[in-house]
């Protein structure tokens, strides 16, 4: 089976057919069903989590954790939503939103709530991974997790669009993972400080030496649903 056979995912593929295996239902759930997933790194099995789990934190970044502690699990700091956010040409764009610290929306004028999703429940406000306008540069390549109007100035959108520094191209890679490329810096990819994939590594934007949207295996993440957390990265919990 190839991802091209899934019409809604065909635009995510770069460079030809991508094999779909039994674990790729997590990719489908994350991208099409908007279900929260763990983003597990291909290299060492660590997972992404906000550096600060609190709802009021908007100027802190993201790190790679190798142990799922009770506080993180309780706060849902290990879970992310890959939320649809429009298109760049025919290529879908997404927000990377943390399940930690999500808040109920403030009702707009004349509304009884802040809008409702397909399930009839009010849409929550979730903190998103935001990139710096001048990334990737030595002091500007970090990311922040925050709401569009709460992150620092250089993490706000350019050209009057508050979200453009939060929009990502999500690409399914030939080895069944996904990579993230920010639309404001298409020559960069979501990676780590000094390319070091170790416990508590700081998430940065790094130049995409892979040369295309698929990137390299060092910057690949595998979405994992709750039922798949122990396959094959069971050591995440140790």
Protein backbone atom coordinates (compact mmCIF):
# COMPACT_ATOMS: atom_id res chain seq x y z
CA UNK A 1 0.00 0.00 0.00
CA UNK A 2 1.18 3.52 -0.70
CA UNK A 3 0.17 6.80 0.84
CA UNK A 4 -0.88 8.02 -2.61
CA UNK A 5 -3.84 5.65 -2.30
CA UNK A 6 -5.05 7.77 0.60
CA UNK A 7 -6.35 10.79 -1.27
CA UNK A 8 -6.26 13.13 1.70
CA UNK A 9 -2.60 12.36 2.37
CA UNK A 10 -1.27 12.40 -1.19
CA UNK A 11 0.12 15.92 -0.93
CA UNK A 12 2.23 15.01 2.07
CA UNK A 13 4.52 12.78 0.03
CA UNK A 14 7.78 13.98 -1.47
CA UNK A 15 9.95 11.93 -3.77
CA UNK A 16 7.72 9.01 -4.66
CA UNK A 17 5.80 6.23 -2.93
CA UNK A 18 6.04 5.83 0.82
CA UNK A 19 5.34 2.43 2.28
CA UNK A 20 2.55 2.25 4.83
CA UNK A 21 3.00 -0.26 7.61
CA UNK A 22 0.87 -1.35 10.53
CA UNK A 23 2.08 1.52 12.74
CA UNK A 24 1.09 4.32 10.35
CA UNK A 25 -2.45 4.49 11.69
CA UNK A 26 -0.95 6.96 14.18
CA UNK A 27 -0.02 9.25 11.28
CA UNK A 28 -3.54 9.01 9.91
CA UNK A 29 -5.04 9.66 13.34
CA UNK A 30 -2.79 12.67 13.93
CA UNK A 31 -3.21 14.31 10.52
CA UNK A 32 -6.75 13.39 9.55
CA UNK A 33 -8.54 12.74 12.82
CA UNK A 34 -6.69 15.39 14.86
CA UNK A 35 -6.06 12.98 17.71
CA UNK A 36 -3.27 13.78 20.18
CA UNK A 37 -0.10 11.73 19.76
CA UNK A 38 3.33 11.34 21.26
CA UNK A 39 6.06 12.59 18.92
CA UNK A 40 8.81 10.04 19.45
CA UNK A 41 12.24 10.68 17.95
CA UNK A 42 13.57 8.14 15.47
CA UNK A 43 17.09 8.15 16.88
CA UNK A 44 16.79 7.53 20.61
CA UNK A 45 13.10 7.03 21.36
CA UNK A 46 12.78 10.23 23.38
CA UNK A 47 9.63 12.30 23.03
CA UNK A 48 8.94 16.01 22.61
CA UNK A 49 7.48 17.96 25.51
CA UNK A 50 7.14 21.65 26.38
CA UNK A 51 9.91 22.87 28.68
CA UNK A 52 7.17 24.41 30.85
CA UNK A 53 3.81 22.66 31.15
CA UNK A 54 1.88 25.54 32.73
CA UNK A 55 -0.98 27.19 30.84
CA UNK A 56 0.42 30.66 31.54
CA UNK A 57 3.86 29.86 30.08
CA UNK A 58 4.34 31.31 26.58
CA UNK A 59 8.07 32.14 26.35
CA UNK A 60 9.60 28.71 26.96
CA UNK A 61 10.67 26.15 24.39
CA UNK A 62 10.51 22.42 23.75
CA UNK A 63 12.85 19.65 24.84
CA UNK A 64 13.41 15.96 24.22
CA UNK A 65 12.61 13.84 27.28
CA UNK A 66 13.57 10.19 27.68
CA UNK A 67 11.48 9.36 30.74
CA UNK A 68 7.72 9.80 31.06
CA UNK A 69 7.33 11.08 34.61
CA UNK A 70 3.94 11.18 36.37
CA UNK A 71 3.76 14.99 36.37
CA UNK A 72 4.25 15.16 32.59
CA UNK A 73 1.70 12.43 32.00
CA UNK A 74 -0.82 14.06 34.33
CA UNK A 75 -0.44 17.40 32.56
CA UNK A 76 -0.53 15.75 29.11
CA UNK A 77 2.85 17.28 28.38
CA UNK A 78 3.74 14.26 26.25
CA UNK A 79 0.84 14.79 23.82
CA UNK A 80 0.60 17.02 20.74
CA UNK A 81 -2.13 17.90 18.29
CA UNK A 82 -1.13 18.29 14.62
CA UNK A 83 -3.94 20.67 13.73
CA UNK A 84 -4.95 21.53 10.13
CA UNK A 85 -4.24 25.17 9.30
CA UNK A 86 -4.84 25.76 5.60
CA UNK A 87 -2.66 25.21 2.54
CA UNK A 88 0.55 26.39 0.88
CA UNK A 89 -0.35 25.82 -2.75
CA UNK A 90 -1.71 22.28 -2.64
CA UNK A 91 0.37 21.31 0.37
CA UNK A 92 -1.51 21.13 3.69
CA UNK A 93 -0.19 23.18 6.61
CA UNK A 94 -0.48 22.40 10.30
CA UNK A 95 -0.06 23.85 13.78
CA UNK A 96 1.87 21.81 16.37
CA UNK A 97 -0.21 22.33 19.50
CA UNK A 98 0.56 21.08 22.99
CA UNK A 99 -2.13 19.29 24.95
CA UNK A 100 -0.50 20.68 28.13
CA UNK A 101 -1.98 23.90 29.41
CA UNK A 102 -4.87 24.17 26.98
CA UNK A 103 -7.55 26.63 28.06
CA UNK A 104 -11.22 27.14 27.37
CA UNK A 105 -11.70 29.97 24.86
CA UNK A 106 -13.07 33.37 25.76
CA UNK A 107 -16.46 33.92 24.07
CA UNK A 108 -16.45 36.50 21.29
CA UNK A 109 -18.88 39.39 21.39
CA UNK A 110 -22.40 38.14 20.86
CA UNK A 111 -21.39 34.48 21.25
CA UNK A 112 -22.11 32.17 24.14
CA UNK A 113 -18.81 30.33 23.65
CA UNK A 114 -15.66 30.50 21.54
CA UNK A 115 -16.81 28.24 18.74
CA UNK A 116 -17.42 24.52 18.64
CA UNK A 117 -15.64 21.65 16.98
CA UNK A 118 -17.08 18.71 15.09
CA UNK A 119 -17.85 16.97 18.36
CA UNK A 120 -19.97 19.89 19.55
CA UNK A 121 -17.55 20.87 22.30
CA UNK A 122 -16.01 24.35 22.55
CA UNK A 123 -12.71 24.66 20.70
CA UNK A 124 -9.89 24.89 23.27
CA UNK A 125 -7.06 27.41 23.01
CA UNK A 126 -3.83 25.47 22.71
CA UNK A 127 -0.26 26.71 22.88
CA UNK A 128 1.58 26.21 19.58
CA UNK A 129 5.21 25.70 18.67
CA UNK A 130 6.37 29.03 17.27
CA UNK A 131 9.62 29.73 15.42
CA UNK A 132 11.70 32.90 15.50
CA UNK A 133 11.35 35.27 12.52
CA UNK A 134 15.13 35.27 11.97
CA UNK A 135 15.80 31.58 12.43
CA UNK A 136 17.95 29.65 11.93
CA UNK A 137 20.67 31.84 13.43
CA UNK A 138 22.76 31.18 16.49
CA UNK A 139 20.58 33.10 18.95
CA UNK A 140 17.32 32.98 17.00
CA UNK A 141 16.84 29.30 16.24
CA UNK A 142 15.03 28.31 19.43
CA UNK A 143 11.27 27.75 19.49
CA UNK A 144 8.60 28.90 21.91
CA UNK A 145 5.34 27.24 22.96
CA UNK A 146 2.63 29.83 23.35
CA UNK A 147 -0.52 31.46 22.05
CA UNK A 148 -0.09 33.83 19.07
CA UNK A 149 -0.73 36.97 21.10
CA UNK A 150 1.38 35.86 24.08
CA UNK A 151 4.73 34.84 22.61
CA UNK A 152 7.59 37.37 22.41
CA UNK A 153 7.68 39.87 19.55
CA UNK A 154 10.12 38.06 17.28
CA UNK A 155 8.00 34.93 17.54
CA UNK A 156 4.91 36.74 16.28
CA UNK A 157 3.88 36.47 12.67
CA UNK A 158 5.29 38.71 9.99
CA UNK A 159 3.37 40.83 7.47
CA UNK A 160 0.43 41.20 9.82
CA UNK A 161 -0.30 37.46 9.91
CA UNK A 162 -0.03 36.35 13.55
CA UNK A 163 0.13 32.67 12.68
CA UNK A 164 2.73 32.46 9.93
CA UNK A 165 5.60 31.68 12.31
CA UNK A 166 3.51 28.77 13.62
CA UNK A 167 2.67 27.06 10.31
CA UNK A 168 4.42 23.81 9.40
CA UNK A 169 4.69 21.57 6.38
CA UNK A 170 4.32 18.00 7.64
CA UNK A 171 5.92 15.35 5.46
CA UNK A 172 5.69 11.58 5.70
CA UNK A 173 9.18 10.16 5.23
CA UNK A 174 10.17 6.96 3.40
CA UNK A 175 10.83 5.25 6.73
CA UNK A 176 7.33 5.84 8.08
CA UNK A 177 7.97 8.84 10.29
CA UNK A 178 7.17 12.53 9.86
CA UNK A 179 9.25 15.69 9.67
CA UNK A 180 8.34 19.33 10.29
CA UNK A 181 9.42 22.25 8.09
CA UNK A 182 8.35 25.83 8.98
CA UNK A 183 6.91 27.77 6.06
CA UNK A 184 8.84 30.89 7.08
CA UNK A 185 12.16 29.00 6.77
CA UNK A 186 11.80 26.28 4.13
CA UNK A 187 15.55 25.53 4.24
CA UNK A 188 15.27 24.55 7.90
CA UNK A 189 13.78 21.63 9.79
CA UNK A 190 12.75 20.93 13.38
CA UNK A 191 15.88 19.61 15.07
CA UNK A 192 18.04 20.00 18.16
CA UNK A 193 20.72 22.30 19.52
CA UNK A 194 24.15 21.23 18.27
CA UNK A 195 22.39 18.30 16.55
CA UNK A 196 22.64 16.46 19.87
CA UNK A 197 19.75 14.03 20.31
CA UNK A 198 20.14 13.39 24.02
CA UNK A 199 17.98 13.67 27.13
CA UNK A 200 16.76 17.25 27.65
CA UNK A 201 18.10 18.34 24.24
CA UNK A 202 16.74 21.77 23.35
CA UNK A 203 14.58 21.87 20.23
CA UNK A 204 15.90 24.26 17.59
CA UNK A 205 15.50 24.96 13.92
CA UNK A 206 18.48 23.53 12.06
CA UNK A 207 19.49 23.74 8.43
CA UNK A 208 18.01 20.87 6.45
CA UNK A 209 21.11 19.27 4.97
CA UNK A 210 18.86 16.55 3.54
CA UNK A 211 18.05 18.97 0.75
CA UNK A 212 14.29 18.44 0.52
CA UNK A 213 11.19 18.26 2.69
CA UNK A 214 11.94 14.71 3.81
CA UNK A 215 15.00 15.82 5.75
CA UNK A 216 17.20 13.21 7.37
CA UNK A 217 16.55 10.43 9.85
CA UNK A 218 18.10 12.46 12.67
CA UNK A 219 15.13 14.86 12.49
CA UNK A 220 12.34 12.32 12.06
CA UNK A 221 9.58 11.72 14.58
CA UNK A 222 7.20 8.81 14.84
CA UNK A 223 3.67 9.67 16.00
CA UNK A 224 2.45 7.19 18.57
CA UNK A 225 -1.08 6.72 19.84
CA UNK A 226 -1.61 5.72 23.49
CA UNK A 227 -2.03 2.07 22.50
CA UNK A 228 1.31 2.16 20.69
CA UNK A 229 3.55 3.82 23.26
CA UNK A 230 5.36 0.53 23.89
CA UNK A 231 5.88 -0.28 20.20
CA UNK A 232 8.77 -0.27 19.61
CA UNK A 233 9.99 2.44 22.02
CA UNK A 234 9.16 0.88 25.36
CA UNK A 235 12.33 2.32 26.92
CA UNK A 236 10.70 5.76 26.83
CA UNK A 237 9.13 4.83 30.16
CA UNK A 238 12.35 3.83 31.93
